[in-house]
């Protein structure tokens, strides 16, 4: 193994950094845009960049699950919920709050604490990608269904309840408008 440092990045390190910057930039646009549909589309970009990071870390299964589950299902469910609830598509001034400065201050302080902790904890840790053997599908499946089955099921129930809630909200609004006309 060669001596590597932060001052001599490889091509993969540079691409990983660019994908990280893209993910952070699009995440900032998700929370700062005034159009809900644009926020959902920036979320697609952010989650796609995270999937690219997983691909660079040779975690192909996790990357494609990121694309299928989050980009494919969650964002489509979000857009579907927006359409069912007849949310405003254009600019929405009620998305702004007067606490933006306080929220920014809290976010920056939490981010700085997290960055300091991560750099302190992993300062000398390097992953030897070339020397490790890939994880087998059976070991990944065993880990997934032994330790992570409950969070996945809880997420599916949460998404299903969000979809049912969007349908109920759209039905009750249309029922109210029909009753008002009578």
N, C-alpha and C. Protein backbone atom coordinates (compact mmCIF):
# COMPACT_ATOMS: atom_id res chain seq x y z
N UNK A 1 0.84 -1.18 0.00
CA UNK A 1 0.00 0.00 0.00
C UNK A 1 0.88 1.23 0.00
N UNK A 2 0.52 2.18 -0.83
CA UNK A 2 1.30 3.41 -0.92
C UNK A 2 0.83 4.39 0.14
N UNK A 3 1.71 5.31 0.45
CA UNK A 3 1.36 6.36 1.41
C UNK A 3 0.48 7.38 0.72
N UNK A 4 -0.73 7.56 1.24
CA UNK A 4 -1.66 8.53 0.67
C UNK A 4 -1.90 9.63 1.68
N UNK A 5 -2.17 10.79 1.19
CA UNK A 5 -2.49 11.91 2.07
C UNK A 5 -3.62 12.70 1.44
N UNK A 6 -4.11 13.66 2.17
CA UNK A 6 -5.18 14.51 1.65
C UNK A 6 -4.69 15.44 0.55
N UNK A 7 -3.38 15.62 0.46
CA UNK A 7 -2.83 16.53 -0.54
C UNK A 7 -2.56 15.87 -1.88
N UNK A 8 -2.71 14.55 -1.96
CA UNK A 8 -2.51 13.85 -3.23
C UNK A 8 -3.74 13.01 -3.55
N UNK A 9 -4.86 13.66 -3.94
CA UNK A 9 -6.08 12.90 -4.21
C UNK A 9 -6.00 12.17 -5.55
N UNK A 10 -6.70 11.06 -5.61
CA UNK A 10 -6.82 10.32 -6.87
C UNK A 10 -8.00 10.87 -7.65
N UNK A 11 -8.20 10.35 -8.83
CA UNK A 11 -9.33 10.77 -9.64
C UNK A 11 -10.66 10.44 -8.97
N UNK A 12 -10.72 9.27 -8.32
CA UNK A 12 -11.95 8.90 -7.61
C UNK A 12 -12.22 9.83 -6.44
N UNK A 13 -11.17 10.27 -5.77
CA UNK A 13 -11.34 11.22 -4.67
C UNK A 13 -11.92 12.54 -5.16
N UNK A 14 -11.45 12.99 -6.31
CA UNK A 14 -11.93 14.25 -6.88
C UNK A 14 -13.39 14.12 -7.30
N UNK A 15 -13.75 13.01 -7.96
CA UNK A 15 -15.13 12.80 -8.37
C UNK A 15 -16.04 12.69 -7.14
N UNK A 16 -15.56 11.99 -6.11
CA UNK A 16 -16.33 11.86 -4.88
C UNK A 16 -16.56 13.23 -4.25
N UNK A 17 -15.54 14.07 -4.24
CA UNK A 17 -15.68 15.42 -3.70
C UNK A 17 -16.66 16.26 -4.51
N UNK A 18 -16.59 16.13 -5.84
CA UNK A 18 -17.52 16.88 -6.69
C UNK A 18 -18.96 16.42 -6.48
N UNK A 19 -19.15 15.11 -6.35
CA UNK A 19 -20.49 14.60 -6.07
C UNK A 19 -20.99 15.06 -4.70
N UNK A 20 -20.07 15.14 -3.74
CA UNK A 20 -20.45 15.65 -2.42
C UNK A 20 -20.86 17.10 -2.47
N UNK A 21 -20.11 17.91 -3.22
CA UNK A 21 -20.46 19.33 -3.38
C UNK A 21 -21.81 19.46 -4.10
N UNK A 22 -22.05 18.61 -5.11
CA UNK A 22 -23.33 18.63 -5.82
C UNK A 22 -24.46 18.24 -4.88
N UNK A 23 -24.24 17.24 -4.04
CA UNK A 23 -25.28 16.82 -3.09
C UNK A 23 -25.58 17.93 -2.08
N UNK A 24 -24.55 18.56 -1.56
CA UNK A 24 -24.76 19.63 -0.58
C UNK A 24 -25.42 20.84 -1.23
N UNK A 25 -24.97 21.20 -2.43
CA UNK A 25 -25.56 22.35 -3.12
C UNK A 25 -27.02 22.12 -3.47
N UNK A 26 -27.34 20.94 -3.96
CA UNK A 26 -28.74 20.68 -4.29
C UNK A 26 -29.59 20.53 -3.04
N UNK A 27 -29.02 20.03 -1.94
CA UNK A 27 -29.76 19.97 -0.68
C UNK A 27 -30.08 21.37 -0.18
N UNK A 28 -29.14 22.29 -0.35
CA UNK A 28 -29.42 23.68 0.02
C UNK A 28 -30.52 24.28 -0.84
N UNK A 29 -30.51 23.93 -2.12
CA UNK A 29 -31.57 24.43 -3.00
C UNK A 29 -32.92 23.82 -2.67
N UNK A 30 -32.93 22.59 -2.15
CA UNK A 30 -34.19 21.97 -1.74
C UNK A 30 -34.86 22.80 -0.65
N UNK A 31 -34.08 23.25 0.31
CA UNK A 31 -34.67 23.95 1.44
C UNK A 31 -34.79 25.46 1.22
N UNK A 32 -34.17 26.00 0.19
CA UNK A 32 -34.25 27.45 -0.02
C UNK A 32 -35.14 27.85 -1.18
N UNK A 33 -35.54 26.94 -2.03
CA UNK A 33 -36.39 27.31 -3.16
C UNK A 33 -37.80 27.60 -2.68
N UNK A 34 -38.48 28.45 -3.42
CA UNK A 34 -39.84 28.84 -3.03
C UNK A 34 -40.89 28.06 -3.81
N UNK A 35 -40.48 27.21 -4.71
CA UNK A 35 -41.43 26.42 -5.48
C UNK A 35 -41.31 24.96 -5.05
N UNK A 36 -42.44 24.38 -4.67
CA UNK A 36 -42.43 23.03 -4.10
C UNK A 36 -41.98 22.00 -5.13
N UNK A 37 -42.43 22.13 -6.36
CA UNK A 37 -42.05 21.16 -7.39
C UNK A 37 -40.55 21.25 -7.68
N UNK A 38 -40.01 22.46 -7.69
CA UNK A 38 -38.57 22.61 -7.89
C UNK A 38 -37.80 21.98 -6.73
N UNK A 39 -38.32 22.10 -5.52
CA UNK A 39 -37.68 21.47 -4.37
C UNK A 39 -37.65 19.96 -4.54
N UNK A 40 -38.73 19.38 -5.05
CA UNK A 40 -38.76 17.93 -5.28
C UNK A 40 -37.74 17.54 -6.36
N UNK A 41 -37.61 18.35 -7.38
CA UNK A 41 -36.65 18.04 -8.44
C UNK A 41 -35.20 18.20 -7.96
N UNK A 42 -34.94 19.20 -7.11
CA UNK A 42 -33.60 19.32 -6.54
C UNK A 42 -33.31 18.16 -5.61
N UNK A 43 -34.36 17.62 -4.97
CA UNK A 43 -34.18 16.43 -4.13
C UNK A 43 -33.74 15.24 -4.97
N UNK A 44 -34.26 15.14 -6.18
CA UNK A 44 -33.82 14.08 -7.10
C UNK A 44 -32.33 14.21 -7.40
N UNK A 45 -31.87 15.44 -7.64
CA UNK A 45 -30.45 15.67 -7.92
C UNK A 45 -29.61 15.30 -6.70
N UNK A 46 -30.05 15.69 -5.52
CA UNK A 46 -29.31 15.40 -4.29
C UNK A 46 -29.20 13.90 -4.06
N UNK A 47 -30.33 13.19 -4.18
CA UNK A 47 -30.31 11.75 -3.95
C UNK A 47 -29.53 11.02 -5.05
N UNK A 48 -29.55 11.55 -6.26
CA UNK A 48 -28.74 10.96 -7.33
C UNK A 48 -27.25 11.12 -7.07
N UNK A 49 -26.86 12.27 -6.54
CA UNK A 49 -25.44 12.48 -6.19
C UNK A 49 -25.01 11.54 -5.07
N UNK A 50 -25.89 11.31 -4.11
CA UNK A 50 -25.57 10.36 -3.03
C UNK A 50 -25.43 8.96 -3.60
N UNK A 51 -26.28 8.59 -4.55
CA UNK A 51 -26.16 7.28 -5.20
C UNK A 51 -24.83 7.18 -5.95
N UNK A 52 -24.40 8.27 -6.58
CA UNK A 52 -23.10 8.28 -7.24
C UNK A 52 -21.96 8.07 -6.25
N UNK A 53 -22.08 8.67 -5.07
CA UNK A 53 -21.07 8.45 -4.02
C UNK A 53 -21.02 6.98 -3.62
N UNK A 54 -22.18 6.35 -3.49
CA UNK A 54 -22.22 4.92 -3.17
C UNK A 54 -21.56 4.09 -4.27
N UNK A 55 -21.78 4.47 -5.52
CA UNK A 55 -21.15 3.75 -6.62
C UNK A 55 -19.63 3.86 -6.56
N UNK A 56 -19.13 5.04 -6.21
CA UNK A 56 -17.68 5.22 -6.11
C UNK A 56 -17.09 4.43 -4.95
N UNK A 57 -17.89 4.15 -3.93
CA UNK A 57 -17.41 3.36 -2.80
C UNK A 57 -17.62 1.87 -3.02
N UNK A 58 -17.89 1.49 -4.27
CA UNK A 58 -18.13 0.10 -4.69
C UNK A 58 -19.27 -0.54 -3.91
N UNK A 59 -20.29 0.22 -3.62
CA UNK A 59 -21.50 -0.30 -2.99
C UNK A 59 -22.63 -0.20 -4.01
N UNK A 60 -22.54 -1.01 -5.06
CA UNK A 60 -23.47 -0.92 -6.17
C UNK A 60 -24.90 -1.21 -5.75
N UNK A 61 -25.08 -2.23 -4.90
CA UNK A 61 -26.42 -2.59 -4.46
C UNK A 61 -27.08 -1.43 -3.73
N UNK A 62 -26.35 -0.82 -2.81
CA UNK A 62 -26.89 0.31 -2.05
C UNK A 62 -27.18 1.49 -2.98
N UNK A 63 -26.32 1.70 -3.96
CA UNK A 63 -26.53 2.81 -4.91
C UNK A 63 -27.81 2.60 -5.71
N UNK A 64 -28.02 1.40 -6.21
CA UNK A 64 -29.21 1.17 -7.02
C UNK A 64 -30.47 1.14 -6.16
N UNK A 65 -30.35 0.70 -4.92
CA UNK A 65 -31.51 0.80 -4.02
C UNK A 65 -31.81 2.26 -3.70
N UNK A 66 -30.77 3.08 -3.61
CA UNK A 66 -30.95 4.52 -3.42
C UNK A 66 -31.74 5.09 -4.58
N UNK A 67 -31.38 4.70 -5.79
CA UNK A 67 -32.07 5.21 -6.97
C UNK A 67 -33.50 4.69 -7.03
N UNK A 68 -33.67 3.38 -6.82
CA UNK A 68 -35.01 2.80 -6.94
C UNK A 68 -35.95 3.25 -5.84
N UNK A 69 -35.48 3.21 -4.59
CA UNK A 69 -36.37 3.49 -3.47
C UNK A 69 -36.55 4.98 -3.28
N UNK A 70 -35.46 5.72 -3.16
CA UNK A 70 -35.59 7.13 -2.84
C UNK A 70 -35.91 7.98 -4.06
N UNK A 71 -35.11 7.87 -5.10
CA UNK A 71 -35.36 8.70 -6.28
C UNK A 71 -36.64 8.24 -6.97
N UNK A 72 -36.78 6.92 -7.10
CA UNK A 72 -37.94 6.40 -7.81
C UNK A 72 -39.23 6.48 -7.03
N UNK A 73 -39.23 6.00 -5.81
CA UNK A 73 -40.48 5.88 -5.06
C UNK A 73 -40.80 7.11 -4.23
N UNK A 74 -39.87 7.57 -3.44
CA UNK A 74 -40.17 8.67 -2.51
C UNK A 74 -40.48 9.95 -3.25
N UNK A 75 -39.69 10.30 -4.24
CA UNK A 75 -39.93 11.55 -4.95
C UNK A 75 -41.21 11.45 -5.78
N UNK A 76 -41.47 10.29 -6.39
CA UNK A 76 -42.72 10.13 -7.13
C UNK A 76 -43.90 10.21 -6.16
N UNK A 77 -43.77 9.63 -4.99
CA UNK A 77 -44.83 9.73 -3.98
C UNK A 77 -45.02 11.17 -3.54
N UNK A 78 -43.94 11.90 -3.39
CA UNK A 78 -44.03 13.32 -3.02
C UNK A 78 -44.76 14.11 -4.10
N UNK A 79 -44.39 13.91 -5.35
CA UNK A 79 -45.06 14.62 -6.43
C UNK A 79 -46.52 14.19 -6.58
N UNK A 80 -46.78 12.90 -6.36
CA UNK A 80 -48.14 12.39 -6.41
C UNK A 80 -48.97 13.02 -5.30
N UNK A 81 -48.40 13.14 -4.11
CA UNK A 81 -49.10 13.79 -3.01
C UNK A 81 -49.36 15.25 -3.30
N UNK A 82 -48.42 15.93 -3.93
CA UNK A 82 -48.63 17.34 -4.31
C UNK A 82 -49.78 17.47 -5.30
N UNK A 83 -49.86 16.53 -6.24
CA UNK A 83 -50.94 16.60 -7.22
C UNK A 83 -52.29 16.29 -6.58
N UNK A 84 -52.33 15.31 -5.68
CA UNK A 84 -53.60 14.94 -5.06
C UNK A 84 -54.12 16.01 -4.12
N UNK A 85 -53.25 16.66 -3.39
CA UNK A 85 -53.70 17.67 -2.44
C UNK A 85 -53.90 19.03 -3.10
N UNK A 86 -53.65 19.12 -4.37
CA UNK A 86 -53.79 20.36 -5.12
C UNK A 86 -52.99 21.49 -4.48
N UNK A 87 -51.75 21.16 -4.12
CA UNK A 87 -50.86 22.15 -3.53
C UNK A 87 -50.49 23.18 -4.59
N UNK A 88 -50.14 24.38 -4.18
CA UNK A 88 -49.77 25.40 -5.17
C UNK A 88 -48.48 24.99 -5.89
N UNK A 89 -48.51 25.09 -7.21
CA UNK A 89 -47.37 24.66 -8.01
C UNK A 89 -46.35 25.79 -8.16
N UNK A 90 -46.79 27.01 -8.26
CA UNK A 90 -45.89 28.14 -8.47
C UNK A 90 -45.26 28.61 -7.18
N UNK A 91 -44.82 29.86 -7.19
CA UNK A 91 -44.21 30.44 -5.99
C UNK A 91 -45.23 30.48 -4.86
N UNK A 92 -44.74 30.21 -3.67
CA UNK A 92 -45.62 30.21 -2.51
C UNK A 92 -44.95 31.02 -1.40
N UNK A 93 -45.53 32.17 -1.08
CA UNK A 93 -44.94 33.04 -0.07
C UNK A 93 -45.11 32.49 1.34
N UNK A 94 -46.07 31.60 1.53
CA UNK A 94 -46.26 31.06 2.88
C UNK A 94 -45.20 30.02 3.25
N UNK A 95 -44.30 29.70 2.32
CA UNK A 95 -43.19 28.82 2.65
C UNK A 95 -42.06 29.57 3.36
N UNK A 96 -42.11 30.88 3.34
CA UNK A 96 -41.09 31.67 4.02
C UNK A 96 -41.46 31.86 5.48
N UNK A 97 -40.45 32.00 6.28
CA UNK A 97 -40.68 32.22 7.70
C UNK A 97 -39.79 33.37 8.16
N UNK A 98 -40.15 33.96 9.26
CA UNK A 98 -39.34 35.04 9.80
C UNK A 98 -38.17 34.52 10.62
N UNK A 99 -38.13 33.23 10.84
CA UNK A 99 -37.05 32.62 11.63
C UNK A 99 -35.92 32.09 10.77
N UNK A 100 -35.77 32.59 9.57
CA UNK A 100 -34.74 32.07 8.67
C UNK A 100 -33.34 32.27 9.24
N UNK A 101 -33.09 33.41 9.85
CA UNK A 101 -31.75 33.66 10.39
C UNK A 101 -31.44 32.71 11.54
N UNK A 102 -32.40 32.49 12.41
CA UNK A 102 -32.20 31.57 13.54
C UNK A 102 -31.98 30.15 13.02
N UNK A 103 -32.77 29.74 12.03
CA UNK A 103 -32.62 28.40 11.46
C UNK A 103 -31.25 28.25 10.80
N UNK A 104 -30.79 29.27 10.09
CA UNK A 104 -29.47 29.24 9.47
C UNK A 104 -28.38 29.15 10.51
N UNK A 105 -28.50 29.91 11.58
CA UNK A 105 -27.51 29.88 12.65
C UNK A 105 -27.44 28.49 13.31
N UNK A 106 -28.58 27.89 13.57
CA UNK A 106 -28.60 26.55 14.17
C UNK A 106 -28.04 25.52 13.20
N UNK A 107 -28.40 25.62 11.92
CA UNK A 107 -27.89 24.67 10.93
C UNK A 107 -26.38 24.77 10.77
N UNK A 108 -25.85 26.00 10.74
CA UNK A 108 -24.41 26.17 10.60
C UNK A 108 -23.66 25.68 11.84
N UNK A 109 -24.21 25.91 13.02
CA UNK A 109 -23.54 25.43 14.23
C UNK A 109 -23.59 23.91 14.31
N UNK A 110 -24.71 23.30 13.95
CA UNK A 110 -24.79 21.83 13.96
C UNK A 110 -23.85 21.23 12.92
N UNK A 111 -23.77 21.87 11.75
CA UNK A 111 -22.86 21.38 10.71
C UNK A 111 -21.42 21.50 11.15
N UNK A 112 -21.05 22.61 11.77
CA UNK A 112 -19.66 22.77 12.20
C UNK A 112 -19.29 21.76 13.29
N UNK A 113 -20.21 21.50 14.21
CA UNK A 113 -19.93 20.48 15.24
C UNK A 113 -19.77 19.11 14.59
N UNK A 114 -20.62 18.78 13.63
CA UNK A 114 -20.53 17.49 12.95
C UNK A 114 -19.23 17.36 12.16
N UNK A 115 -18.84 18.41 11.46
CA UNK A 115 -17.59 18.37 10.69
C UNK A 115 -16.39 18.19 11.61
N UNK A 116 -16.36 18.92 12.71
CA UNK A 116 -15.24 18.80 13.66
C UNK A 116 -15.19 17.39 14.23
N UNK A 117 -16.34 16.83 14.60
CA UNK A 117 -16.36 15.47 15.14
C UNK A 117 -15.92 14.44 14.11
N UNK A 118 -16.36 14.60 12.86
CA UNK A 118 -15.98 13.65 11.82
C UNK A 118 -14.49 13.73 11.51
N UNK A 119 -13.97 14.94 11.40
CA UNK A 119 -12.54 15.07 11.12
C UNK A 119 -11.70 14.56 12.28
N UNK A 120 -12.13 14.80 13.50
CA UNK A 120 -11.40 14.32 14.66
C UNK A 120 -11.46 12.81 14.77
N UNK A 121 -12.62 12.23 14.48
CA UNK A 121 -12.77 10.80 14.62
C UNK A 121 -12.13 10.00 13.50
N UNK A 122 -12.10 10.54 12.29
CA UNK A 122 -11.60 9.79 11.14
C UNK A 122 -10.39 10.45 10.49
N UNK A 123 -9.61 11.14 11.26
CA UNK A 123 -8.46 11.87 10.71
C UNK A 123 -7.46 10.93 10.04
N UNK A 124 -7.16 9.83 10.65
CA UNK A 124 -6.14 8.93 10.11
C UNK A 124 -6.73 7.70 9.44
N UNK A 125 -8.04 7.58 9.38
CA UNK A 125 -8.67 6.39 8.80
C UNK A 125 -8.71 6.51 7.29
N UNK A 126 -8.24 5.50 6.62
CA UNK A 126 -8.30 5.42 5.17
C UNK A 126 -8.88 4.06 4.80
N UNK A 127 -9.72 4.02 3.80
CA UNK A 127 -10.31 2.77 3.34
C UNK A 127 -9.48 2.24 2.19
N UNK A 128 -9.04 1.00 2.32
CA UNK A 128 -8.27 0.36 1.26
C UNK A 128 -9.24 -0.36 0.34
N UNK A 129 -9.69 0.34 -0.69
CA UNK A 129 -10.70 -0.22 -1.59
C UNK A 129 -10.12 -1.35 -2.42
N UNK A 130 -8.87 -1.24 -2.83
CA UNK A 130 -8.28 -2.26 -3.67
C UNK A 130 -8.03 -3.56 -2.92
N UNK A 131 -7.76 -3.49 -1.62
CA UNK A 131 -7.40 -4.68 -0.86
C UNK A 131 -8.57 -5.43 -0.26
N UNK A 132 -9.76 -4.86 -0.28
CA UNK A 132 -10.91 -5.53 0.32
C UNK A 132 -11.65 -6.35 -0.70
N UNK A 133 -12.19 -7.45 -0.24
CA UNK A 133 -13.00 -8.28 -1.13
C UNK A 133 -14.44 -7.78 -1.09
N UNK A 134 -15.14 -7.85 -2.21
CA UNK A 134 -16.51 -7.36 -2.21
C UNK A 134 -17.42 -8.23 -1.34
N UNK A 135 -18.42 -7.61 -0.78
CA UNK A 135 -19.37 -8.33 0.05
C UNK A 135 -20.26 -9.18 -0.85
N UNK A 136 -20.51 -10.40 -0.43
CA UNK A 136 -21.36 -11.28 -1.23
C UNK A 136 -22.81 -10.89 -1.05
N UNK A 137 -23.62 -11.28 -2.01
CA UNK A 137 -25.04 -10.96 -1.94
C UNK A 137 -25.72 -11.66 -0.78
N UNK A 138 -25.26 -12.88 -0.47
CA UNK A 138 -25.88 -13.60 0.65
C UNK A 138 -25.57 -12.92 1.98
N UNK A 139 -24.34 -12.43 2.17
CA UNK A 139 -24.01 -11.73 3.41
C UNK A 139 -24.77 -10.42 3.51
N UNK A 140 -24.93 -9.72 2.39
CA UNK A 140 -25.68 -8.48 2.38
C UNK A 140 -27.16 -8.74 2.67
N UNK A 141 -27.72 -9.78 2.06
CA UNK A 141 -29.11 -10.13 2.31
C UNK A 141 -29.35 -10.55 3.74
N UNK A 142 -28.41 -11.32 4.30
CA UNK A 142 -28.54 -11.74 5.68
C UNK A 142 -28.53 -10.54 6.63
N UNK A 143 -27.63 -9.61 6.38
CA UNK A 143 -27.57 -8.41 7.21
C UNK A 143 -28.82 -7.56 7.05
N UNK A 144 -29.28 -7.45 5.81
CA UNK A 144 -30.45 -6.63 5.53
C UNK A 144 -31.69 -7.18 6.21
N UNK A 145 -31.90 -8.49 6.12
CA UNK A 145 -33.12 -9.06 6.68
C UNK A 145 -33.00 -9.40 8.15
N UNK A 146 -31.82 -9.38 8.70
CA UNK A 146 -31.67 -9.63 10.13
C UNK A 146 -31.73 -8.33 10.93
N UNK A 147 -31.01 -7.29 10.48
CA UNK A 147 -30.89 -6.07 11.27
C UNK A 147 -31.72 -4.90 10.76
N UNK A 148 -32.01 -4.86 9.46
CA UNK A 148 -32.62 -3.67 8.88
C UNK A 148 -34.04 -3.89 8.39
N UNK A 149 -34.66 -5.03 8.66
CA UNK A 149 -36.00 -5.28 8.15
C UNK A 149 -37.03 -4.39 8.84
N UNK A 150 -36.89 -4.13 10.13
CA UNK A 150 -37.86 -3.30 10.84
C UNK A 150 -37.83 -1.84 10.36
N UNK A 151 -36.66 -1.21 10.19
CA UNK A 151 -36.69 0.16 9.64
C UNK A 151 -37.29 0.24 8.25
N UNK A 152 -37.02 -0.75 7.39
CA UNK A 152 -37.60 -0.73 6.05
C UNK A 152 -39.12 -0.88 6.10
N UNK A 153 -39.61 -1.75 6.97
CA UNK A 153 -41.05 -1.91 7.10
C UNK A 153 -41.69 -0.67 7.68
N UNK A 154 -41.04 -0.04 8.65
CA UNK A 154 -41.58 1.19 9.23
C UNK A 154 -41.64 2.29 8.18
N UNK A 155 -40.61 2.37 7.32
CA UNK A 155 -40.62 3.36 6.25
C UNK A 155 -41.74 3.09 5.26
N UNK A 156 -41.98 1.83 4.94
CA UNK A 156 -43.05 1.53 3.99
C UNK A 156 -44.42 1.87 4.58
N UNK A 157 -44.61 1.63 5.87
CA UNK A 157 -45.88 2.02 6.51
C UNK A 157 -46.03 3.53 6.53
N UNK A 158 -44.94 4.24 6.79
CA UNK A 158 -44.98 5.70 6.80
C UNK A 158 -45.33 6.25 5.42
N UNK A 159 -44.73 5.69 4.37
CA UNK A 159 -45.03 6.15 3.01
C UNK A 159 -46.47 5.82 2.63
N UNK A 160 -46.94 4.65 3.03
CA UNK A 160 -48.33 4.28 2.74
C UNK A 160 -49.31 5.20 3.46
N UNK A 161 -49.01 5.53 4.71
CA UNK A 161 -49.91 6.43 5.44
C UNK A 161 -49.87 7.84 4.85
N UNK A 162 -48.72 8.27 4.34
CA UNK A 162 -48.66 9.58 3.68
C UNK A 162 -49.50 9.59 2.41
N UNK A 163 -49.48 8.50 1.66
CA UNK A 163 -50.29 8.40 0.44
C UNK A 163 -51.76 8.39 0.78
N UNK A 164 -52.15 7.61 1.79
CA UNK A 164 -53.56 7.58 2.20
C UNK A 164 -53.99 8.94 2.72
N UNK A 165 -53.14 9.61 3.47
CA UNK A 165 -53.46 10.95 3.96
C UNK A 165 -53.65 11.94 2.83
N UNK A 166 -52.82 11.85 1.79
CA UNK A 166 -52.98 12.75 0.64
C UNK A 166 -54.30 12.48 -0.07
N UNK A 167 -54.68 11.23 -0.18
CA UNK A 167 -55.95 10.90 -0.82
C UNK A 167 -57.12 11.41 0.02
N UNK A 168 -57.04 11.23 1.33
CA UNK A 168 -58.11 11.71 2.21
C UNK A 168 -58.23 13.23 2.14
N UNK A 169 -57.09 13.93 2.14
CA UNK A 169 -57.13 15.39 2.05
C UNK A 169 -57.73 15.85 0.73
N UNK A 170 -57.40 15.18 -0.36
CA UNK A 170 -57.94 15.60 -1.65
C UNK A 170 -59.42 15.28 -1.74
N UNK A 171 -59.86 14.18 -1.17
CA UNK A 171 -61.28 13.84 -1.19
C UNK A 171 -62.09 14.78 -0.32
N UNK A 172 -61.60 15.10 0.86
CA UNK A 172 -62.38 15.96 1.74
C UNK A 172 -62.45 17.39 1.19
N UNK A 173 -61.41 17.86 0.51
CA UNK A 173 -61.47 19.19 -0.09
C UNK A 173 -62.46 19.21 -1.25
N UNK A 174 -62.49 18.16 -2.07
CA UNK A 174 -63.44 18.11 -3.18
C UNK A 174 -64.86 17.93 -2.66
N UNK A 175 -65.02 17.18 -1.55
CA UNK A 175 -66.36 17.01 -0.96
C UNK A 175 -66.85 18.33 -0.38
N UNK A 176 -65.96 19.10 0.23
CA UNK A 176 -66.34 20.40 0.78
C UNK A 176 -66.76 21.36 -0.33
N UNK A 177 -66.06 21.33 -1.44
CA UNK A 177 -66.40 22.24 -2.54
C UNK A 177 -67.72 21.85 -3.18
N UNK A 178 -68.04 20.54 -3.23
CA UNK A 178 -69.32 20.10 -3.78
C UNK A 178 -70.45 20.48 -2.84
N UNK A 179 -70.23 20.35 -1.51
CA UNK A 179 -71.25 20.72 -0.54
C UNK A 179 -71.49 22.23 -0.55
N UNK A 180 -70.46 23.02 -0.79
CA UNK A 180 -70.61 24.46 -0.81
C UNK A 180 -71.40 24.93 -2.03
N UNK A 181 -71.32 24.18 -3.13
CA UNK A 181 -72.07 24.54 -4.32
C UNK A 181 -73.55 24.24 -4.18
N UNK A 182 -73.88 23.24 -3.37
CA UNK A 182 -75.29 22.87 -3.19
C UNK A 182 -75.99 23.80 -2.29
